[in-house]
């Protein structure tokens, strides 16, 4: 269901809110039936007794009866009005209550009407069955307007306080999970944060302990790989240097010597790519840079031996947090691929997606392109495309680009152009890049 929350925090809060809602409904029904309703019935019965008292037959003279009625009104505050006088004294501002009318009719042995008016004073209006042309107004001065339904305000206050307390509890319960999520993102980008504190529920502590053990193991594997790669590169470069010196001492017109030197250069480039793939400038800090300036500087400094025509179509971009050397390496690798596999023109574009809060740039060539079924595999190390765009290099170029983009929480996509060629697009989210920077600094 779409309405069902996905996060543990939202589910906990929703569960607490549902339980509290059920509790409030049950409490309201119970208090209404066993506290409020009996109190109203007692008030209604008391009013009925007063009205019955007013209609008890008396053996007095009219003057004495009027005097008794006047004294009764002064002592109790109960007054009798005809319809016109009742409307002039606030009957029109009263509310009819069917339940009270039925109850009053049973106690007065006839059809009665009960209305209630609330204001500065609280009055109960009754049209008795023995005097249907008159209204009897009974004041209840001790009951104010806000006191007639205090239960709703009380339950609302308790409900809001309980939900806020539940949110604080759920936030405390899920805080270790947030820290675990953030550390997992760092490890995924190739960073290794400090060991997390084992706190929270027992299950969360167990997961945190396992994550710390996993992070430590990955860090050790990464260090061993770096050490192995450094040792291999060092051990390979020494004999390669000797072979190069020996080849250069051979006659200059010797094609074999020329081929050996070229092979040695290729091997050195491959070793450099291996080292780049392993290290990826892990110690480089992020800074707020202009992506357009990085693109312009990189394009302006391409080797003179490159033959393609590079065009720029850059949009207005905000400054973004990124690792400039790593991002330059991405641009250089993309331009190198376009130079290698394109025919004549290379287009470098950039733009800003305000709605998604992300920046992007793309490198498009006019080469043969890559079949769609092979595009996803090209981001794996040592994987190359078909013969039309493969067979050269170590197969680490796109893998290096992918790792750098992942460390910036970005995404990379490949797409064949309708007019021919390949378009490589990289998108960097502003928010995620900003978080990476704060952590790196």
Protein backbone atom coordinates (compact mmCIF):
# COMPACT_ATOMS: atom_id res chain seq x y z
CA UNK A 1 0.00 0.00 0.00
CA UNK A 2 1.24 3.47 -0.88
CA UNK A 3 -0.15 4.98 2.34
CA UNK A 4 1.78 2.54 4.52
CA UNK A 5 5.07 4.18 5.62
CA UNK A 6 8.33 2.56 4.58
CA UNK A 7 10.85 3.78 7.17
CA UNK A 8 11.05 2.20 10.62
CA UNK A 9 10.70 5.64 12.24
CA UNK A 10 7.47 6.43 10.36
CA UNK A 11 6.07 2.96 11.03
CA UNK A 12 6.78 3.27 14.76
CA UNK A 13 5.15 6.69 14.94
CA UNK A 14 2.15 5.46 12.93
CA UNK A 15 1.75 2.45 15.21
CA UNK A 16 1.90 4.60 18.34
CA UNK A 17 -0.56 7.10 16.84
CA UNK A 18 -3.00 4.29 15.94
CA UNK A 19 -2.82 2.77 19.42
CA UNK A 20 -3.31 6.19 21.02
CA UNK A 21 -6.26 6.92 18.72
CA UNK A 22 -7.97 3.67 19.72
CA UNK A 23 -7.24 4.43 23.36
CA UNK A 24 -8.67 7.94 23.04
CA UNK A 25 -11.85 6.70 21.35
CA UNK A 26 -12.41 4.04 24.01
CA UNK A 27 -11.68 6.57 26.79
CA UNK A 28 -14.08 9.07 25.25
CA UNK A 29 -16.88 6.50 25.02
CA UNK A 30 -16.29 5.23 28.55
CA UNK A 31 -16.12 8.69 30.13
CA UNK A 32 -19.11 9.89 28.11
CA UNK A 33 -21.28 6.96 29.15
CA UNK A 34 -20.19 6.62 32.78
CA UNK A 35 -19.24 10.19 33.79
CA UNK A 36 -20.72 12.85 31.52
CA UNK A 37 -24.04 11.18 30.75
CA UNK A 38 -24.95 10.45 34.42
CA UNK A 39 -24.08 14.04 35.36
CA UNK A 40 -26.32 15.46 32.64
CA UNK A 41 -29.12 13.12 33.64
CA UNK A 42 -28.85 14.27 37.25
CA UNK A 43 -29.05 17.93 36.16
CA UNK A 44 -32.04 17.13 33.97
CA UNK A 45 -33.77 15.33 36.82
CA UNK A 46 -33.11 18.25 39.18
CA UNK A 47 -34.68 20.67 36.70
CA UNK A 48 -37.69 18.38 36.34
CA UNK A 49 -38.19 18.36 40.12
CA UNK A 50 -38.16 22.16 40.17
CA UNK A 51 -40.74 22.27 37.38
CA UNK A 52 -42.97 19.72 39.11
CA UNK A 53 -42.76 21.81 42.27
CA UNK A 54 -44.00 24.87 40.40
CA UNK A 55 -47.17 23.05 39.30
CA UNK A 56 -48.17 21.61 42.72
CA UNK A 57 -51.75 22.82 43.49
CA UNK A 58 -51.84 25.44 46.26
CA UNK A 59 -54.79 26.56 48.45
CA UNK A 60 -53.93 30.24 48.65
CA UNK A 61 -55.38 33.50 47.47
CA UNK A 62 -54.12 34.88 44.15
CA UNK A 63 -52.14 37.57 46.00
CA UNK A 64 -50.47 35.01 48.25
CA UNK A 65 -49.72 32.71 45.28
CA UNK A 66 -48.14 35.56 43.30
CA UNK A 67 -46.06 36.44 46.34
CA UNK A 68 -44.91 32.83 46.69
CA UNK A 69 -44.03 32.66 42.99
CA UNK A 70 -42.05 35.89 43.23
CA UNK A 71 -40.14 34.70 46.27
CA UNK A 72 -39.52 31.34 44.54
CA UNK A 73 -38.08 33.17 41.53
CA UNK A 74 -35.84 35.34 43.73
CA UNK A 75 -34.48 32.33 45.62
CA UNK A 76 -33.95 29.96 42.68
CA UNK A 77 -33.55 32.29 39.68
CA UNK A 78 -36.12 30.23 37.74
CA UNK A 79 -38.27 32.42 35.51
CA UNK A 80 -41.34 31.84 33.34
CA UNK A 81 -41.73 33.52 29.91
CA UNK A 82 -44.25 33.35 27.16
CA UNK A 83 -42.99 32.68 23.62
CA UNK A 84 -42.35 36.35 22.80
CA UNK A 85 -40.62 37.09 26.09
CA UNK A 86 -38.55 33.91 25.77
CA UNK A 87 -37.26 34.94 22.35
CA UNK A 88 -36.38 38.39 23.69
CA UNK A 89 -34.43 36.83 26.59
CA UNK A 90 -32.19 34.50 24.58
CA UNK A 91 -34.27 31.53 23.46
CA UNK A 92 -33.20 32.05 19.82
CA UNK A 93 -29.55 31.54 20.79
CA UNK A 94 -30.23 28.18 22.41
CA UNK A 95 -29.71 24.68 20.99
CA UNK A 96 -32.27 21.90 20.95
CA UNK A 97 -31.26 18.58 22.58
CA UNK A 98 -33.42 15.61 21.64
CA UNK A 99 -31.96 13.27 24.26
CA UNK A 100 -32.68 15.73 27.08
CA UNK A 101 -36.16 16.44 25.69
CA UNK A 102 -37.06 12.74 25.68
CA UNK A 103 -35.73 12.27 29.19
CA UNK A 104 -37.60 15.35 30.43
CA UNK A 105 -40.82 14.16 28.77
CA UNK A 106 -40.62 10.86 30.68
CA UNK A 107 -40.11 12.63 34.00
CA UNK A 108 -42.92 15.18 33.46
CA UNK A 109 -45.41 12.68 32.02
CA UNK A 110 -45.91 14.58 28.79
CA UNK A 111 -44.20 15.98 25.75
CA UNK A 112 -41.52 18.49 26.81
CA UNK A 113 -38.89 20.45 24.87
CA UNK A 114 -35.42 21.16 26.28
CA UNK A 115 -33.03 23.70 24.84
CA UNK A 116 -29.65 24.82 26.17
CA UNK A 117 -28.05 28.23 25.76
CA UNK A 118 -24.39 28.99 26.52
CA UNK A 119 -22.84 32.38 26.93
CA UNK A 120 -21.74 34.39 29.93
CA UNK A 121 -24.39 32.34 31.77
CA UNK A 122 -25.66 28.81 31.26
CA UNK A 123 -29.45 28.33 30.96
CA UNK A 124 -31.71 25.35 30.42
CA UNK A 125 -35.01 26.20 28.69
CA UNK A 126 -37.94 23.86 29.22
CA UNK A 127 -41.41 23.93 27.64
CA UNK A 128 -43.45 21.85 30.14
CA UNK A 129 -46.38 19.71 29.02
CA UNK A 130 -48.71 21.36 31.60
CA UNK A 131 -48.01 24.88 30.23
CA UNK A 132 -47.22 24.49 26.50
CA UNK A 133 -47.50 28.26 25.91
CA UNK A 134 -44.70 29.12 28.33
CA UNK A 135 -40.98 28.56 28.67
CA UNK A 136 -39.28 27.95 32.03
CA UNK A 137 -35.69 29.16 32.20
CA UNK A 138 -33.46 27.48 34.76
CA UNK A 139 -30.04 29.12 35.37
CA UNK A 140 -26.95 27.04 36.13
CA UNK A 141 -24.47 29.77 36.99
CA UNK A 142 -21.70 27.41 38.09
CA UNK A 143 -21.31 25.95 34.58
CA UNK A 144 -19.36 28.10 32.13
CA UNK A 145 -19.18 27.71 28.36
CA UNK A 146 -15.79 25.96 28.32
CA UNK A 147 -16.83 23.61 31.14
CA UNK A 148 -19.64 21.94 29.21
CA UNK A 149 -17.25 19.80 27.10
CA UNK A 150 -13.86 19.67 28.87
CA UNK A 151 -13.42 16.03 27.93
CA UNK A 152 -12.64 16.78 24.28
CA UNK A 153 -9.92 19.32 25.13
CA UNK A 154 -8.43 17.00 27.72
CA UNK A 155 -8.31 14.04 25.35
CA UNK A 156 -6.89 16.22 22.57
CA UNK A 157 -4.11 17.48 24.85
CA UNK A 158 -3.29 13.98 26.04
CA UNK A 159 -3.32 12.65 22.47
CA UNK A 160 -0.98 15.35 21.10
CA UNK A 161 1.40 14.97 24.05
CA UNK A 162 1.45 11.20 23.63
CA UNK A 163 2.15 11.40 19.89
CA UNK A 164 4.99 13.89 20.47
CA UNK A 165 6.41 11.63 23.14
CA UNK A 166 6.12 8.67 20.78
CA UNK A 167 7.96 10.60 18.06
CA UNK A 168 10.80 11.43 20.46
CA UNK A 169 10.98 7.79 21.52
CA UNK A 170 10.96 6.55 17.94
CA UNK A 171 13.64 9.09 16.99
CA UNK A 172 15.82 7.91 19.86
CA UNK A 173 15.23 4.31 18.86
CA UNK A 174 16.14 4.91 15.19
CA UNK A 175 19.07 7.29 15.71
CA UNK A 176 21.67 4.45 15.70
CA UNK A 177 20.18 3.22 12.41
CA UNK A 178 20.70 6.67 10.87
CA UNK A 179 24.36 6.63 11.96
CA UNK A 180 24.69 3.12 10.56
CA UNK A 181 23.18 4.22 7.24
CA UNK A 182 25.57 7.18 6.98
CA UNK A 183 28.60 5.02 7.74
CA UNK A 184 27.49 2.44 5.18
CA UNK A 185 27.31 5.21 2.55
CA UNK A 186 30.90 6.22 3.41
CA UNK A 187 32.15 2.66 3.11
CA UNK A 188 30.35 2.38 -0.23
CA UNK A 189 32.25 5.46 -1.45
CA UNK A 190 35.57 3.94 -0.40
CA UNK A 191 35.88 5.88 2.87
CA UNK A 192 36.32 4.23 6.24
CA UNK A 193 34.80 6.13 9.18
CA UNK A 194 35.54 5.55 12.85
CA UNK A 195 33.98 2.58 14.59
CA UNK A 196 30.35 3.21 15.53
CA UNK A 197 29.28 3.21 19.16
CA UNK A 198 27.24 0.15 20.04
CA UNK A 199 24.10 1.61 21.58
CA UNK A 200 20.34 1.31 21.27
CA UNK A 201 18.24 -1.85 21.23
CA UNK A 202 19.95 -5.23 21.42
CA UNK A 203 19.19 -5.98 17.76
CA UNK A 204 20.60 -2.63 16.66
CA UNK A 205 23.72 -3.21 18.78
CA UNK A 206 24.21 -6.60 17.14
CA UNK A 207 23.90 -5.08 13.66
CA UNK A 208 26.29 -2.25 14.60
CA UNK A 209 28.82 -4.74 15.96
CA UNK A 210 28.65 -6.79 12.75
CA UNK A 211 29.00 -3.63 10.62
CA UNK A 212 32.08 -2.50 12.58
CA UNK A 213 33.64 -5.92 12.06
CA UNK A 214 32.81 -5.81 8.34
CA UNK A 215 34.16 -2.26 7.95
CA UNK A 216 37.39 -3.23 9.69
CA UNK A 217 37.80 -6.25 7.42
CA UNK A 218 37.18 -4.18 4.28
CA UNK A 219 39.72 -1.59 5.43
CA UNK A 220 42.34 -4.29 5.97
CA UNK A 221 41.62 -5.78 2.54
CA UNK A 222 41.90 -2.33 0.97
CA UNK A 223 45.25 -1.71 2.67
CA UNK A 224 46.54 -5.11 1.61
CA UNK A 225 45.46 -4.45 -1.98
CA UNK A 226 47.15 -1.05 -2.01
CA UNK A 227 50.33 -2.56 -0.60
CA UNK A 228 50.23 -5.38 -3.14
CA UNK A 229 49.65 -3.01 -6.03
CA UNK A 230 52.46 -0.71 -4.88
CA UNK A 231 54.83 -3.65 -4.61
CA UNK A 232 53.86 -5.08 -8.01
CA UNK A 233 54.15 -1.71 -9.74
CA UNK A 234 57.55 -1.11 -8.18
CA UNK A 235 58.82 -4.56 -9.07
CA UNK A 236 57.54 -4.25 -12.65
CA UNK A 237 58.89 -0.77 -13.32
CA UNK A 238 62.47 -1.74 -12.47
CA UNK A 239 62.86 -4.47 -15.16
CA UNK A 240 60.81 -2.38 -17.59
CA UNK A 241 63.28 0.46 -17.14
CA UNK A 242 66.22 -1.87 -17.83
CA UNK A 243 64.50 -3.25 -20.93
CA UNK A 244 63.84 0.27 -22.15
CA UNK A 245 67.49 1.25 -21.67
CA UNK A 246 68.58 -1.86 -23.54
CA UNK A 247 66.16 -1.13 -26.38
CA UNK A 248 67.35 2.46 -26.67
CA UNK A 249 70.93 1.23 -27.04
CA UNK A 250 69.93 -0.75 -30.12
CA UNK A 251 70.23 0.87 -33.57
CA UNK A 252 67.78 3.72 -34.13
CA UNK A 253 66.36 2.22 -37.31
CA UNK A 254 65.66 -1.09 -35.64
CA UNK A 255 61.90 -1.63 -35.79
CA UNK A 256 62.11 -4.23 -33.02
CA UNK A 257 63.59 -1.70 -30.62
CA UNK A 258 60.88 0.80 -31.53
CA UNK A 259 58.17 -1.77 -30.86
CA UNK A 260 59.72 -2.68 -27.52
CA UNK A 261 59.73 0.99 -26.40
CA UNK A 262 56.10 1.43 -27.43
CA UNK A 263 55.12 -1.74 -25.58
CA UNK A 264 56.92 -0.51 -22.47
CA UNK A 265 55.04 2.81 -22.65
CA UNK A 266 51.75 0.91 -22.92
CA UNK A 267 52.66 -1.24 -19.94
CA UNK A 268 53.53 1.83 -17.88
CA UNK A 269 50.18 3.36 -18.77
CA UNK A 270 48.39 0.18 -17.73
CA UNK A 271 50.27 0.12 -14.42
CA UNK A 272 49.28 3.76 -13.85
CA UNK A 273 45.64 2.81 -14.49
CA UNK A 274 45.90 -0.04 -12.00
CA UNK A 275 47.23 2.34 -9.36
CA UNK A 276 44.57 4.94 -10.17
CA UNK A 277 41.82 2.35 -9.83
CA UNK A 278 43.09 1.28 -6.41
CA UNK A 279 43.85 4.68 -4.90
CA UNK A 280 41.42 7.12 -6.55
CA UNK A 281 42.79 10.09 -4.59
CA UNK A 282 41.35 8.86 -1.29
CA UNK A 283 43.13 11.59 0.66
CA UNK A 284 41.86 14.42 -1.57
CA UNK A 285 39.45 16.79 0.14
CA UNK A 286 36.39 18.25 -1.50
CA UNK A 287 36.07 21.93 -2.32
CA UNK A 288 33.47 24.18 -3.85
CA UNK A 289 34.31 24.39 -7.53
CA UNK A 290 32.86 25.47 -10.85
CA UNK A 291 32.27 22.37 -12.93
CA UNK A 292 32.27 24.45 -16.12
CA UNK A 293 35.75 25.80 -15.34
CA UNK A 294 37.06 22.27 -14.79
CA UNK A 295 35.63 21.23 -18.15
CA UNK A 296 37.06 24.28 -19.96
CA UNK A 297 40.52 23.81 -18.41
CA UNK A 298 40.59 20.12 -19.25
CA UNK A 299 39.49 20.63 -22.85
CA UNK A 300 41.98 23.47 -23.30
CA UNK A 301 44.85 21.24 -22.12
CA UNK A 302 44.24 18.21 -24.33
CA UNK A 303 47.40 16.94 -26.05
CA UNK A 304 48.33 18.56 -29.32
CA UNK A 305 48.44 15.15 -30.96
CA UNK A 306 44.67 14.74 -30.58
CA UNK A 307 42.89 15.25 -33.89
CA UNK A 308 39.21 15.56 -32.94
CA UNK A 309 37.27 18.82 -32.95
CA UNK A 310 36.06 19.53 -29.39
CA UNK A 311 32.98 21.76 -28.98
CA UNK A 312 31.54 23.14 -25.72
CA UNK A 313 27.85 23.75 -24.94
CA UNK A 314 27.92 24.66 -21.24
CA UNK A 315 24.92 25.89 -19.29
CA UNK A 316 24.72 28.03 -16.15
CA UNK A 317 25.77 25.86 -13.20
CA UNK A 318 25.96 26.63 -9.48
CA UNK A 319 29.15 25.95 -7.57
CA UNK A 320 29.25 22.36 -6.33
CA UNK A 321 31.28 20.46 -3.76
CA UNK A 322 33.55 17.90 -5.44
CA UNK A 323 37.06 16.55 -5.54
CA UNK A 324 38.60 18.56 -8.40
CA UNK A 325 41.48 16.20 -9.27
CA UNK A 326 39.19 13.18 -9.34
CA UNK A 327 36.61 14.99 -11.45
CA UNK A 328 39.32 16.16 -13.88
CA UNK A 329 40.37 12.54 -14.23
CA UNK A 330 36.79 11.63 -15.14
CA UNK A 331 36.67 14.34 -17.80
CA UNK A 332 40.09 13.37 -19.20
CA UNK A 333 39.10 9.69 -19.45
CA UNK A 334 35.86 10.55 -21.23
CA UNK A 335 37.64 12.88 -23.65
CA UNK A 336 40.29 10.23 -24.29
CA UNK A 337 37.62 7.65 -25.14
CA UNK A 338 35.89 10.13 -27.45
CA UNK A 339 39.23 10.93 -29.12
CA UNK A 340 40.00 7.25 -29.54
CA UNK A 341 36.65 6.04 -30.87
CA UNK A 342 35.06 9.15 -32.40
CA UNK A 343 35.33 10.12 -36.04
CA UNK A 344 35.62 13.89 -36.13
CA UNK A 345 33.54 15.90 -33.62
CA UNK A 346 33.21 15.68 -29.83
CA UNK A 347 30.54 17.67 -27.97
CA UNK A 348 30.87 18.45 -24.25
CA UNK A 349 27.66 19.75 -22.65
CA UNK A 350 26.57 20.67 -19.11
CA UNK A 351 23.38 21.77 -17.38
CA UNK A 352 21.55 22.28 -14.10
CA UNK A 353 18.38 20.43 -13.09
CA UNK A 354 16.80 22.79 -10.58
CA UNK A 355 13.87 20.49 -9.83
CA UNK A 356 16.09 17.53 -8.91
CA UNK A 357 18.83 19.78 -7.47
CA UNK A 358 21.58 18.23 -9.54
CA UNK A 359 24.17 19.23 -12.13
CA UNK A 360 25.20 17.16 -15.13
CA UNK A 361 27.70 17.08 -17.98
CA UNK A 362 28.01 14.79 -20.97
CA UNK A 363 30.61 13.87 -23.61
CA UNK A 364 29.23 12.85 -27.01
CA UNK A 365 31.21 11.49 -29.95
CA UNK A 366 30.27 10.47 -33.50
CA UNK A 367 31.81 7.01 -33.39
CA UNK A 368 30.19 3.59 -33.86
CA UNK A 369 28.52 3.49 -30.43
CA UNK A 370 28.12 0.46 -28.15
CA UNK A 371 25.34 -2.18 -28.25
CA UNK A 372 22.87 -1.66 -25.41
CA UNK A 373 23.27 -5.21 -24.09
CA UNK A 374 27.00 -4.52 -23.50
CA UNK A 375 26.74 -1.07 -21.92
CA UNK A 376 26.06 -2.21 -18.33
CA UNK A 377 29.07 -4.58 -18.38
CA UNK A 378 31.53 -1.86 -19.41
CA UNK A 379 31.63 -0.41 -15.88
CA UNK A 380 33.14 -3.64 -14.56
CA UNK A 381 36.98 -3.78 -14.32
CA UNK A 382 38.81 -5.24 -17.34
CA UNK A 383 35.61 -5.27 -19.43
CA UNK A 384 35.78 -3.83 -22.94
CA UNK A 385 33.20 -3.26 -25.63
CA UNK A 386 32.91 -4.92 -28.97
CA UNK A 387 35.66 -4.74 -31.54
CA UNK A 388 34.31 -1.49 -32.93
CA UNK A 389 35.23 0.35 -29.71
CA UNK A 390 37.44 -2.15 -27.89
CA UNK A 391 40.74 -3.90 -28.03
CA UNK A 392 42.78 -0.95 -26.73
CA UNK A 393 43.79 -0.28 -23.13
CA UNK A 394 43.26 -2.28 -19.94
CA UNK A 395 39.51 -1.97 -19.66
CA UNK A 396 39.72 0.13 -16.47
CA UNK A 397 38.78 3.54 -17.89
CA UNK A 398 35.02 3.40 -17.33
CA UNK A 399 35.51 1.43 -14.10
CA UNK A 400 37.64 4.27 -12.71
CA UNK A 401 35.06 6.82 -13.84
CA UNK A 402 32.28 4.78 -12.20
CA UNK A 403 34.08 4.59 -8.87
CA UNK A 404 34.78 8.33 -8.80
CA UNK A 405 31.19 9.18 -9.68
CA UNK A 406 29.91 6.78 -7.03
CA UNK A 407 32.08 8.49 -4.42
CA UNK A 408 30.28 11.72 -5.31
CA UNK A 409 26.87 9.98 -4.97
CA UNK A 410 26.32 10.57 -8.68
CA UNK A 411 25.24 8.36 -11.54
CA UNK A 412 26.63 7.66 -15.01
CA UNK A 413 24.66 6.54 -18.05
CA UNK A 414 25.57 5.48 -21.57
CA UNK A 415 23.31 6.10 -24.55
CA UNK A 416 23.73 5.65 -28.27
CA UNK A 417 22.93 8.81 -30.21
CA UNK A 418 20.27 8.59 -32.97
CA UNK A 419 22.63 10.28 -35.42
CA UNK A 420 25.44 7.89 -34.49
CA UNK A 421 27.97 7.85 -31.71
CA UNK A 422 27.92 7.45 -27.93
CA UNK A 423 26.81 9.91 -25.25
CA UNK A 424 28.18 9.48 -21.72
CA UNK A 425 26.22 11.53 -19.16
CA UNK A 426 27.23 12.08 -15.53
CA UNK A 427 24.85 13.57 -12.99
CA UNK A 428 25.89 14.84 -9.55
CA UNK A 429 23.26 15.59 -6.88
CA UNK A 430 23.97 18.85 -5.05
CA UNK A 431 22.74 17.69 -1.65
CA UNK A 432 24.69 14.45 -1.62
CA UNK A 433 27.86 16.16 -2.85
CA UNK A 434 27.53 18.75 -0.09
CA UNK A 435 27.28 16.01 2.54
CA UNK A 436 30.34 14.25 1.15
CA UNK A 437 32.31 17.47 1.48
CA UNK A 438 31.42 18.07 5.09
CA UNK A 439 32.42 14.54 5.96
CA UNK A 440 35.66 14.72 4.04
CA UNK A 441 36.64 18.01 5.66
